[in-house]
Protein backbone atom coordinates (compact mmCIF):
# COMPACT_ATOMS: atom_id res chain seq x y z
CA MET A 1 2.27 -10.34 -13.43
CA PRO A 2 4.65 -8.37 -10.67
CA LYS A 3 5.23 -9.30 -7.42
CA ILE A 4 5.31 -6.12 -5.19
CA THR A 5 5.90 -5.72 -1.41
CA VAL A 6 3.82 -3.16 0.11
CA LYS A 7 4.31 -1.79 3.34
CA VAL A 8 3.06 0.85 5.77
CA ASP A 9 4.84 2.81 8.44
CA HIS A 10 2.62 2.77 11.45
CA ALA A 11 3.60 5.40 13.36
CA ALA A 12 4.95 7.27 10.57
CA CYS A 13 0.46 7.18 9.35
CA SER A 14 -1.51 9.79 10.13
CA GLY A 15 -4.87 8.83 9.30
CA ILE A 16 -5.62 10.91 6.44
CA GLY A 17 -6.37 8.21 4.28
CA SER A 18 -5.44 9.17 1.01
CA CYS A 19 -3.75 5.78 0.07
CA ALA A 20 -7.68 4.53 0.33
CA GLU A 21 -9.47 7.00 -1.55
CA VAL A 22 -6.51 6.74 -4.40
CA SER A 23 -7.06 2.86 -4.83
CA ALA A 24 -9.70 1.64 -2.32
CA LYS A 25 -9.08 -1.80 -3.75
CA PHE A 26 -5.31 -2.00 -2.14
CA PHE A 27 -5.91 0.58 0.89
CA GLN A 28 -8.38 1.05 3.86
CA LEU A 29 -7.48 2.32 7.61
CA ASP A 30 -8.19 0.23 10.34
CA GLY A 31 -9.74 0.67 13.47
CA GLU A 32 -6.19 3.14 15.01
CA ASN A 33 -7.65 5.18 12.11
CA ARG A 34 -4.03 3.95 10.12
CA ALA A 35 -3.07 2.52 7.04
CA VAL A 36 -2.75 -1.14 6.34
CA VAL A 37 -3.12 -3.34 2.69
CA ILE A 38 -5.72 -5.13 1.49
CA SER A 39 -4.39 -7.75 0.03
CA ASN A 40 -6.19 -8.82 -3.39
CA GLU A 41 -6.35 -12.88 -2.72
CA THR A 42 -6.94 -13.20 0.24
CA GLY A 43 -9.51 -9.67 1.07
CA GLU A 44 -6.94 -9.38 4.94
CA ALA A 45 -5.48 -6.50 6.31
CA GLU A 46 -2.63 -6.14 7.41
CA VAL A 47 0.93 -3.14 6.93
CA GLU A 48 2.79 -5.37 5.54
CA GLN A 49 1.76 -7.27 2.35
CA GLU A 50 3.04 -9.69 -0.70
CA LEU A 51 1.02 -8.61 -4.36
CA THR A 52 0.86 -10.38 -7.36
CA VAL A 53 -0.88 -7.21 -9.94
CA SER A 54 -1.60 -6.69 -12.82
CA ASP A 55 1.16 -3.46 -14.56
CA ASP A 56 -1.70 -1.21 -14.23
CA GLU A 57 -2.66 -1.98 -10.46
CA ALA A 58 1.22 -2.13 -9.73
CA LYS A 59 0.67 1.77 -10.58
CA GLU A 60 -2.82 2.19 -9.31
CA ILE A 61 -0.87 1.04 -5.16
CA LEU A 62 2.20 3.77 -5.90
CA LEU A 63 -0.28 6.52 -6.74
CA ALA A 64 -1.09 5.51 -3.60
CA ALA A 65 1.65 5.67 -1.78
CA GLU A 66 2.99 8.73 -3.51
CA SER A 67 -0.89 10.23 -2.26
CA CYS A 68 0.69 10.09 1.07
CA PRO A 69 1.92 13.19 3.00
CA MET A 70 3.44 11.20 5.44
CA VAL A 71 5.69 8.95 3.25
CA ALA A 72 4.19 6.45 5.11
CA ILE A 73 4.29 3.31 2.66
CA SER A 74 7.13 1.60 0.94
CA VAL A 75 6.99 -0.04 -1.94
CA PHE A 76 9.32 -2.77 -3.13
CA ASP A 77 9.58 -4.50 -6.35
CA GLY A 78 9.70 -8.41 -6.21
CA ASP A 79 13.49 -8.11 -6.15
CA GLY A 80 13.50 -5.94 -3.22
CA SER A 81 14.25 -2.80 -4.66
CA GLN A 82 12.32 0.01 -3.51
CA LEU A 83 10.47 1.46 -6.24
CA TYR A 84 8.83 4.26 -4.02
CA GLY A 85 8.74 4.94 0.40
């Protein structure tokens, strides 16, 4: 299972919510109507999460990041190489 880090740039997020529509398991909008990442281990929502996910979940997260019109979501692999954003 790959380990990835997902970061949301709150300043860039406009609250459209396309990430949450694509992947409600890993994204939601917070009280400020900005995207946050949901931990699949603790259920906590933060602007940055390190996640251990399946290959299919990693693909889902990348699709959600790619759906953001503001390019406010960055995804990094376990080595810190940027996969998207």
